[in-house]
């Protein structure tokens, strides 16, 4: 029988040939298959080719969807006697690589299910609906496909980004011996990102304590850690302590976004405190400081001259409260002027002069929150100065955290932290990002 028919080539199942195709009353196509691989009659236990047929067998493996109608596969195979006297297996059924013994779905259908979740960012439920499989089947296929990502060796990294993201609610368990409640699952995950390369998320670990960071670094190769020159973080003292212990040769860089965010938080605190102390109530829509609250948080260059004049004059006319807010706003802008020297090859004297102007303004302001900001900047100055000289930021970590939150939202949350870390690691790789390109 000729196995290279058009129907066989169209179906493209290795080791199987199409005998006939029939259409049922509901439009479903039923494809009858026969074995085309002579190696299918080799005993799976001893490898000896069988010569005696025990009887026929029929299986109905499920395959990838073809077209708009269902496609039913019916494999007419045979059972063989094993003639090897020393073989413990007396009989066996034919099997091919696409349909192993006992398999109810083809190998390519299982692999396609795993790739949908691993590379295409699909949820397990959606992949199961599209391929008409069960959730456990798709999840098992995804675990197998995800091992190719987690088992791959890490490429050299020059700039490492570390940031935390909230996983979900913490889980607690009561100790039966002591009666105390102990944490089982932390609500935070710490991610490690290739901040200067294209590898995406390198790994993720539960918790955000210094010991958690050190545990992940200890699991990596020593030579790989020695190639890390810079580590970009937010203003986290715990991460800084872990880096100084685990990567003593690396330079810690503080991301400028978090520095400006700290200044904006200071502005909000000053506005709320001064409004409560001078007006004896919360801010209202008629208050000038409430009207200017959004413009105070915007950059000066993003405001038009008319917008800036309106804000400035309104706060000037507000008296002591407005002057306090303008003083805090000027402190924020002078801090931004200092950070703006990054990637400009500015000399140390110019940077030092801008730093002196910022610190002097904060000290002379006599505003507690502004002085606290100056203290925090001075405490983190070594890391901020490293950002000014190198320009490295934690932007990729923030972008990956956004993708992590989108994955959790699409999955309606995760109950299993291990599954969540696997989904997160796969969806933030370069392979998954390339799959989303419309070109």
Protein backbone atom coordinates (compact mmCIF):
# COMPACT_ATOMS: atom_id res chain seq x y z
CA UNK A 1 0.00 0.00 0.00
CA UNK A 2 1.31 3.45 -0.92
CA UNK A 3 1.76 5.51 2.23
CA UNK A 4 2.64 8.77 0.42
CA UNK A 5 -0.93 9.71 -0.48
CA UNK A 6 -2.12 13.31 -0.35
CA UNK A 7 -4.24 12.63 2.73
CA UNK A 8 -1.28 11.09 4.56
CA UNK A 9 0.95 14.03 3.71
CA UNK A 10 -1.75 16.47 4.78
CA UNK A 11 -2.26 14.79 8.15
CA UNK A 12 1.53 14.43 8.63
CA UNK A 13 1.53 11.97 11.53
CA UNK A 14 4.84 10.14 11.54
CA UNK A 15 4.44 6.37 11.34
CA UNK A 16 0.75 6.46 10.39
CA UNK A 17 -0.96 6.40 7.00
CA UNK A 18 -4.47 7.45 6.04
CA UNK A 19 -6.59 4.55 4.79
CA UNK A 20 -9.97 6.22 4.31
CA UNK A 21 -11.79 9.41 5.29
CA UNK A 22 -15.53 9.63 5.86
CA UNK A 23 -17.86 12.46 6.75
CA UNK A 24 -20.46 11.91 9.46
CA UNK A 25 -23.96 13.38 9.54
CA UNK A 26 -22.94 16.23 11.88
CA UNK A 27 -20.10 17.25 9.55
CA UNK A 28 -17.33 15.61 11.57
CA UNK A 29 -14.63 13.93 9.51
CA UNK A 30 -13.49 10.52 10.63
CA UNK A 31 -10.02 9.49 9.50
CA UNK A 32 -9.10 5.80 9.55
CA UNK A 33 -5.37 5.21 10.06
CA UNK A 34 -3.12 2.21 9.65
CA UNK A 35 0.44 1.64 10.79
CA UNK A 36 3.09 2.61 8.25
CA UNK A 37 6.20 2.25 10.42
CA UNK A 38 7.67 -1.26 10.46
CA UNK A 39 9.43 -0.44 13.70
CA UNK A 40 6.05 -0.34 15.46
CA UNK A 41 6.10 -4.14 15.78
CA UNK A 42 9.33 -4.09 17.81
CA UNK A 43 8.80 -5.15 21.41
CA UNK A 44 9.15 -2.09 23.71
CA UNK A 45 10.77 -4.28 26.40
CA UNK A 46 13.42 -6.23 24.49
CA UNK A 47 13.39 -4.63 21.03
CA UNK A 48 12.91 -7.91 19.12
CA UNK A 49 10.67 -7.65 16.05
CA UNK A 50 7.51 -9.73 16.45
CA UNK A 51 6.26 -12.12 13.78
CA UNK A 52 3.02 -13.46 15.25
CA UNK A 53 -0.13 -11.34 15.32
CA UNK A 54 -2.25 -11.70 18.41
CA UNK A 55 -5.23 -9.74 17.12
CA UNK A 56 -6.55 -6.35 16.03
CA UNK A 57 -6.85 -3.25 18.24
CA UNK A 58 -8.53 0.09 17.70
CA UNK A 59 -7.64 3.37 19.43
CA UNK A 60 -8.99 6.89 18.95
CA UNK A 61 -6.21 9.37 19.76
CA UNK A 62 -7.01 13.07 19.74
CA UNK A 63 -5.02 15.42 17.56
CA UNK A 64 -4.71 19.12 16.80
CA UNK A 65 -7.88 20.81 15.50
CA UNK A 66 -8.16 20.87 11.72
CA UNK A 67 -10.47 23.48 10.22
CA UNK A 68 -13.86 24.40 11.64
CA UNK A 69 -15.11 20.83 11.98
CA UNK A 70 -13.95 18.15 14.35
CA UNK A 71 -11.47 15.56 13.13
CA UNK A 72 -11.71 12.10 14.65
CA UNK A 73 -8.76 9.74 14.31
CA UNK A 74 -9.33 5.99 14.37
CA UNK A 75 -6.14 3.94 14.40
CA UNK A 76 -6.52 0.33 13.30
CA UNK A 77 -3.45 -1.38 14.69
CA UNK A 78 -2.46 -4.85 15.79
CA UNK A 79 -1.31 -6.61 18.90
CA UNK A 80 1.74 -8.85 18.59
CA UNK A 81 3.18 -11.78 20.47
CA UNK A 82 6.75 -11.33 21.67
CA UNK A 83 8.68 -14.45 20.61
CA UNK A 84 11.71 -13.74 22.79
CA UNK A 85 11.74 -16.43 25.53
CA UNK A 86 13.59 -14.25 28.08
CA UNK A 87 11.36 -11.20 27.58
CA UNK A 88 8.94 -10.67 30.49
CA UNK A 89 6.44 -9.07 28.12
CA UNK A 90 4.32 -11.64 26.29
CA UNK A 91 2.36 -9.30 24.02
CA UNK A 92 2.23 -5.65 23.08
CA UNK A 93 0.36 -3.21 20.86
CA UNK A 94 1.88 -1.17 18.09
CA UNK A 95 3.09 2.32 18.95
CA UNK A 96 4.68 5.21 17.09
CA UNK A 97 6.45 8.35 18.26
CA UNK A 98 3.36 10.53 17.84
CA UNK A 99 1.07 8.09 19.65
CA UNK A 100 2.91 6.16 22.40
CA UNK A 101 1.37 3.21 24.19
CA UNK A 102 -1.54 4.25 26.37
CA UNK A 103 -1.61 7.83 25.04
CA UNK A 104 -5.01 9.36 24.42
CA UNK A 105 -3.65 12.45 22.66
CA UNK A 106 -0.89 12.81 20.09
CA UNK A 107 2.55 14.04 21.03
CA UNK A 108 2.25 17.14 18.88
CA UNK A 109 -1.05 18.09 20.53
CA UNK A 110 0.57 17.85 23.95
CA UNK A 111 3.56 19.90 22.82
CA UNK A 112 1.31 22.51 21.22
CA UNK A 113 -0.61 22.89 24.49
CA UNK A 114 2.62 23.46 26.41
CA UNK A 115 3.90 26.01 23.88
CA UNK A 116 0.67 28.01 24.00
CA UNK A 117 1.13 28.69 27.69
CA UNK A 118 4.91 28.97 27.61
CA UNK A 119 5.47 31.11 24.52
CA UNK A 120 2.14 32.72 23.62
CA UNK A 121 1.23 33.91 27.12
CA UNK A 122 -2.08 32.05 27.07
CA UNK A 123 -3.69 30.94 30.30
CA UNK A 124 -4.02 27.25 31.03
CA UNK A 125 -7.80 27.49 30.95
CA UNK A 126 -7.85 29.24 27.58
CA UNK A 127 -5.41 26.77 26.04
CA UNK A 128 -7.52 23.90 27.34
CA UNK A 129 -10.66 25.41 25.78
CA UNK A 130 -9.01 26.07 22.42
CA UNK A 131 -7.50 22.59 22.16
CA UNK A 132 -10.43 20.85 23.90
CA UNK A 133 -8.30 19.36 26.62
CA UNK A 134 -8.56 19.22 30.38
CA UNK A 135 -6.81 21.65 32.72
CA UNK A 136 -4.53 18.97 34.26
CA UNK A 137 -3.45 17.79 30.81
CA UNK A 138 -2.48 21.28 29.66
CA UNK A 139 -0.78 22.10 32.95
CA UNK A 140 1.27 18.91 32.79
CA UNK A 141 2.29 19.74 29.21
CA UNK A 142 3.24 23.26 30.29
CA UNK A 143 5.43 21.97 33.12
CA UNK A 144 7.32 19.82 30.61
CA UNK A 145 7.69 22.69 28.15
CA UNK A 146 8.69 25.12 30.90
CA UNK A 147 11.65 22.99 31.90
CA UNK A 148 13.41 24.10 28.72
CA UNK A 149 13.32 27.67 30.04
CA UNK A 150 14.18 27.02 33.68
CA UNK A 151 16.92 24.48 32.91
CA UNK A 152 18.71 26.74 30.41
CA UNK A 153 22.03 28.14 31.60
CA UNK A 154 22.10 31.86 32.34
CA UNK A 155 24.10 33.98 29.93
CA UNK A 156 26.57 36.55 31.28
CA UNK A 157 24.96 39.61 32.87
CA UNK A 158 26.67 42.96 33.36
CA UNK A 159 23.83 44.90 35.00
CA UNK A 160 21.50 42.99 37.31
CA UNK A 161 18.12 44.44 38.27
CA UNK A 162 16.40 43.44 41.52
CA UNK A 163 12.87 44.45 42.41
CA UNK A 164 9.91 43.04 44.30
CA UNK A 165 6.33 42.55 43.19
CA UNK A 166 3.31 41.56 45.20
CA UNK A 167 2.29 37.95 44.54
CA UNK A 168 -1.03 37.88 46.37
CA UNK A 169 -2.22 37.28 49.88
CA UNK A 170 0.05 35.71 52.46
CA UNK A 171 -0.83 32.23 53.67
CA UNK A 172 -0.47 31.19 57.32
CA UNK A 173 -0.53 27.87 59.14
CA UNK A 174 -0.89 27.20 62.85
CA UNK A 175 1.89 25.20 64.43
CA UNK A 176 0.28 22.26 66.28
CA UNK A 177 3.07 22.16 68.87
CA UNK A 178 3.36 25.84 69.79
CA UNK A 179 -0.05 27.05 68.66
CA UNK A 180 1.53 30.05 66.93
CA UNK A 181 0.66 31.06 63.38
CA UNK A 182 3.59 30.77 60.99
CA UNK A 183 3.85 32.12 57.42
CA UNK A 184 3.68 29.46 54.72
CA UNK A 185 3.56 31.60 51.56
CA UNK A 186 4.92 35.15 51.42
CA UNK A 187 2.91 37.83 49.64
CA UNK A 188 6.01 39.17 47.90
CA UNK A 189 8.20 37.82 45.11
CA UNK A 190 11.68 39.13 44.32
CA UNK A 191 12.66 39.12 40.65
CA UNK A 192 16.13 39.20 39.12
CA UNK A 193 16.30 40.82 35.69
CA UNK A 194 18.91 41.29 32.99
CA UNK A 195 18.71 45.09 33.18
CA UNK A 196 21.11 45.78 30.30
CA UNK A 197 20.62 42.71 28.08
CA UNK A 198 17.79 40.81 26.43
CA UNK A 199 17.37 37.79 28.72
CA UNK A 200 14.39 39.23 30.59
CA UNK A 201 13.57 37.65 33.94
CA UNK A 202 16.45 35.49 35.13
CA UNK A 203 14.74 34.05 38.19
CA UNK A 204 12.24 34.70 40.91
CA UNK A 205 12.18 33.76 44.57
CA UNK A 206 9.58 33.98 47.29
CA UNK A 207 10.06 36.78 49.82
CA UNK A 208 11.99 40.04 49.76
CA UNK A 209 14.28 39.70 52.77
CA UNK A 210 18.09 39.90 52.37
CA UNK A 211 18.30 36.17 53.11
CA UNK A 212 15.98 35.46 50.16
CA UNK A 213 18.19 37.44 47.79
CA UNK A 214 21.31 35.72 49.09
CA UNK A 215 19.67 32.30 48.66
CA UNK A 216 19.04 32.95 44.96
CA UNK A 217 22.54 34.34 44.39
CA UNK A 218 24.02 31.27 46.09
CA UNK A 219 22.17 29.03 43.62
CA UNK A 220 23.96 30.61 40.64
CA UNK A 221 27.45 29.88 39.37
CA UNK A 222 30.34 31.73 40.99
CA UNK A 223 31.87 32.77 37.65
CA UNK A 224 28.49 34.11 36.54
CA UNK A 225 28.25 36.26 39.68
CA UNK A 226 31.74 37.64 39.15
CA UNK A 227 30.70 39.07 35.77
CA UNK A 228 28.05 41.32 37.38
CA UNK A 229 29.44 44.86 37.64
CA UNK A 230 26.32 46.86 38.55
CA UNK A 231 23.07 46.08 40.41
CA UNK A 232 20.09 48.41 39.89
CA UNK A 233 17.59 48.54 42.77
CA UNK A 234 15.06 50.87 44.32
CA UNK A 235 15.81 52.57 47.64
CA UNK A 236 15.62 49.31 49.63
CA UNK A 237 18.08 48.94 52.50
CA UNK A 238 17.47 45.17 52.58
CA UNK A 239 18.45 44.70 48.95
CA UNK A 240 21.50 46.91 49.41
CA UNK A 241 22.68 44.86 52.39
CA UNK A 242 22.19 41.62 50.46
CA UNK A 243 24.18 42.93 47.48
CA UNK A 244 27.05 44.06 49.67
CA UNK A 245 27.22 40.55 51.11
CA UNK A 246 26.54 38.42 48.04
CA UNK A 247 28.12 40.66 45.37
CA UNK A 248 30.79 42.69 47.19
CA UNK A 249 32.55 43.61 43.94
CA UNK A 250 29.41 45.05 42.28
CA UNK A 251 28.35 48.71 42.37
CA UNK A 252 24.84 49.42 43.62
CA UNK A 253 22.85 51.85 41.47
CA UNK A 254 19.62 53.46 42.69
CA UNK A 255 17.00 53.99 40.02
CA UNK A 256 16.17 57.69 39.54
CA UNK A 257 12.46 56.96 39.13
CA UNK A 258 12.20 55.95 42.78
CA UNK A 259 14.17 59.01 43.88
CA UNK A 260 11.71 61.34 42.14
CA UNK A 261 8.84 59.26 43.47
CA UNK A 262 10.15 59.85 46.98
CA UNK A 263 10.18 63.60 46.33
CA UNK A 264 6.60 63.53 45.04
CA UNK A 265 5.49 61.63 48.13
CA UNK A 266 7.13 64.33 50.22
CA UNK A 267 5.11 66.97 48.37
CA UNK A 268 1.84 65.18 49.06
CA UNK A 269 2.66 64.78 52.74
CA UNK A 270 3.54 68.47 53.07
CA UNK A 271 0.31 69.49 51.34
CA UNK A 272 -1.88 67.28 53.54
CA UNK A 273 -0.12 68.30 56.76
CA UNK A 274 -0.15 72.03 56.12
CA UNK A 275 -3.79 71.97 55.03
CA UNK A 276 -4.81 70.09 58.18
CA UNK A 277 -2.77 72.33 60.49
CA UNK A 278 -3.70 75.72 58.98
CA UNK A 279 -7.28 75.07 57.89
CA UNK A 280 -8.19 72.47 60.50
CA UNK A 281 -9.70 70.14 57.92
CA UNK A 282 -8.96 68.15 54.81
CA UNK A 283 -8.46 69.81 51.44
CA UNK A 284 -11.45 70.85 49.36
CA UNK A 285 -11.95 71.51 45.67
CA UNK A 286 -12.08 75.28 46.34
CA UNK A 287 -8.67 75.38 48.04
CA UNK A 288 -5.81 76.64 45.83
CA UNK A 289 -3.42 73.94 47.04
CA UNK A 290 -6.00 71.28 46.12
CA UNK A 291 -6.42 72.75 42.64
CA UNK A 292 -2.65 72.74 42.12
CA UNK A 293 -2.03 69.26 43.55
CA UNK A 294 -1.52 67.59 40.15
CA UNK A 295 0.62 70.35 38.69
CA UNK A 296 2.88 70.20 41.73
CA UNK A 297 3.70 66.60 40.86
CA UNK A 298 4.43 67.30 37.19
CA UNK A 299 7.84 68.21 35.84
CA UNK A 300 8.52 71.89 35.24
CA UNK A 301 9.33 71.33 31.56
CA UNK A 302 6.01 69.53 31.08
CA UNK A 303 4.05 72.61 32.21
CA UNK A 304 3.25 75.38 29.80
CA UNK A 305 4.03 78.94 30.80
CA UNK A 306 0.33 79.61 31.39
CA UNK A 307 -0.07 76.51 33.58
CA UNK A 308 3.03 77.36 35.58
CA UNK A 309 1.97 81.00 36.09
CA UNK A 310 -1.50 79.94 37.21
CA UNK A 311 -0.10 77.51 39.77
CA UNK A 312 2.58 79.89 41.01
CA UNK A 313 0.30 82.92 41.43
CA UNK A 314 -2.45 80.86 43.12
CA UNK A 315 -0.03 79.50 45.71
CA UNK A 316 1.59 82.89 46.25
CA UNK A 317 -1.82 84.37 47.04
CA UNK A 318 -2.56 81.47 49.42
CA UNK A 319 -0.16 82.91 51.99
CA UNK A 320 1.94 80.75 54.31
CA UNK A 321 0.44 77.51 53.08
CA UNK A 322 1.22 78.30 49.45
CA UNK A 323 4.76 79.43 50.22
CA UNK A 324 5.42 76.20 52.07
CA UNK A 325 4.26 74.17 49.10
CA UNK A 326 6.32 76.21 46.65
CA UNK A 327 9.40 75.72 48.84
CA UNK A 328 8.88 71.97 48.80
CA UNK A 329 8.24 72.04 45.04
CA UNK A 330 11.50 73.91 44.40
CA UNK A 331 13.34 71.27 46.44
CA UNK A 332 11.87 68.58 44.22
CA UNK A 333 12.87 70.43 41.05
CA UNK A 334 16.42 70.99 42.29
CA UNK A 335 16.68 67.27 42.97
CA UNK A 336 15.50 66.62 39.42
CA UNK A 337 18.14 69.04 38.10
CA UNK A 338 20.74 67.00 39.95
CA UNK A 339 19.45 63.72 38.48
CA UNK A 340 19.25 65.25 35.00
CA UNK A 341 23.06 65.31 34.80
CA UNK A 342 23.01 61.54 34.22
CA UNK A 343 24.27 60.43 30.80
CA UNK A 344 25.55 63.98 30.10
CA UNK A 345 29.23 63.42 31.02
CA UNK A 346 29.01 66.24 33.55
CA UNK A 347 32.15 66.90 35.58
CA UNK A 348 32.28 66.37 39.33
CA UNK A 349 32.36 70.10 40.12
CA UNK A 350 29.06 70.70 38.32
CA UNK A 351 27.43 67.72 40.00
CA UNK A 352 28.79 68.82 43.37
CA UNK A 353 27.45 72.33 42.88
CA UNK A 354 23.93 71.07 42.06
CA UNK A 355 24.06 68.78 45.08
CA UNK A 356 25.11 71.67 47.32
CA UNK A 357 22.24 73.83 46.01
CA UNK A 358 19.73 71.07 46.72
CA UNK A 359 20.97 70.29 50.22
CA UNK A 360 21.30 73.96 51.15
CA UNK A 361 17.77 74.71 50.00
CA UNK A 362 16.39 71.78 51.98
CA UNK A 363 18.21 72.77 55.16
CA UNK A 364 17.15 76.44 54.90
CA UNK A 365 13.52 75.53 54.15
CA UNK A 366 12.82 74.63 57.79
CA UNK A 367 10.24 72.08 56.61
CA UNK A 368 10.58 68.68 58.36
CA UNK A 369 9.57 66.62 55.33
CA UNK A 370 11.98 68.46 53.03
CA UNK A 371 14.82 67.95 55.49
CA UNK A 372 13.97 64.25 55.71
CA UNK A 373 14.20 64.06 51.93
CA UNK A 374 17.63 65.67 52.04
CA UNK A 375 18.73 63.19 54.71
CA UNK A 376 17.57 60.24 52.60
CA UNK A 377 19.34 61.57 49.49
CA UNK A 378 22.53 62.12 51.46
CA UNK A 379 22.33 58.62 52.92
CA UNK A 380 21.92 57.11 49.45
CA UNK A 381 24.27 59.50 47.68
CA UNK A 382 26.86 56.85 46.75
CA UNK A 383 24.22 54.82 44.91
CA UNK A 384 22.63 57.92 43.33
CA UNK A 385 26.02 59.14 42.16
CA UNK A 386 26.58 55.72 40.56
CA UNK A 387 23.40 56.25 38.56
CA UNK A 388 24.54 59.72 37.48
CA UNK A 389 27.85 58.35 36.20
CA UNK A 390 26.50 55.14 34.59
CA UNK A 391 22.90 55.93 33.70
CA UNK A 392 21.76 52.41 34.59
CA UNK A 393 18.19 52.16 35.80
CA UNK A 394 15.71 49.57 36.97
CA UNK A 395 13.28 50.26 34.13
CA UNK A 396 13.29 46.68 32.83
CA UNK A 397 12.43 45.34 36.26
CA UNK A 398 9.45 47.69 36.46
CA UNK A 399 8.32 46.68 32.98
CA UNK A 400 8.56 42.99 33.82
CA UNK A 401 6.62 43.59 37.05
CA UNK A 402 3.85 45.05 34.93
CA UNK A 403 3.77 41.91 32.79
CA UNK A 404 3.72 39.76 35.94
CA UNK A 405 0.67 41.61 37.21
CA UNK A 406 -1.07 41.23 33.86
CA UNK A 407 -0.44 37.47 33.90
CA UNK A 408 -1.86 37.19 37.41
CA UNK A 409 -4.89 39.27 36.43
CA UNK A 410 -5.55 37.15 33.33
CA UNK A 411 -5.33 33.99 35.44
CA UNK A 412 -7.67 35.51 38.09
CA UNK A 413 -4.93 34.96 40.66
CA UNK A 414 -2.74 32.00 41.58
CA UNK A 415 -3.11 29.63 44.47
CA UNK A 416 0.14 27.77 43.78
CA UNK A 417 3.24 30.02 44.07
CA UNK A 418 5.37 27.47 42.18
CA UNK A 419 3.03 27.57 39.19
CA UNK A 420 2.99 31.35 39.36
CA UNK A 421 6.78 31.60 39.25
CA UNK A 422 6.93 29.18 36.32
CA UNK A 423 4.30 31.11 34.37
CA UNK A 424 6.03 34.38 35.16
CA UNK A 425 9.45 33.12 34.12
CA UNK A 426 8.21 31.78 30.79
CA UNK A 427 6.07 34.77 29.83
CA UNK A 428 8.90 37.27 30.44
CA UNK A 429 11.49 35.53 28.28
CA UNK A 430 12.60 36.83 24.93
CA UNK A 431 10.82 33.97 23.17
CA UNK A 432 7.46 34.99 24.59
CA UNK A 433 8.02 38.67 23.83
CA UNK A 434 8.95 37.88 20.22
CA UNK A 435 5.74 35.88 19.83
CA UNK A 436 3.71 39.02 20.52
CA UNK A 437 5.23 40.99 17.63
CA UNK A 438 2.56 41.67 15.05
CA UNK A 439 5.12 41.90 12.25
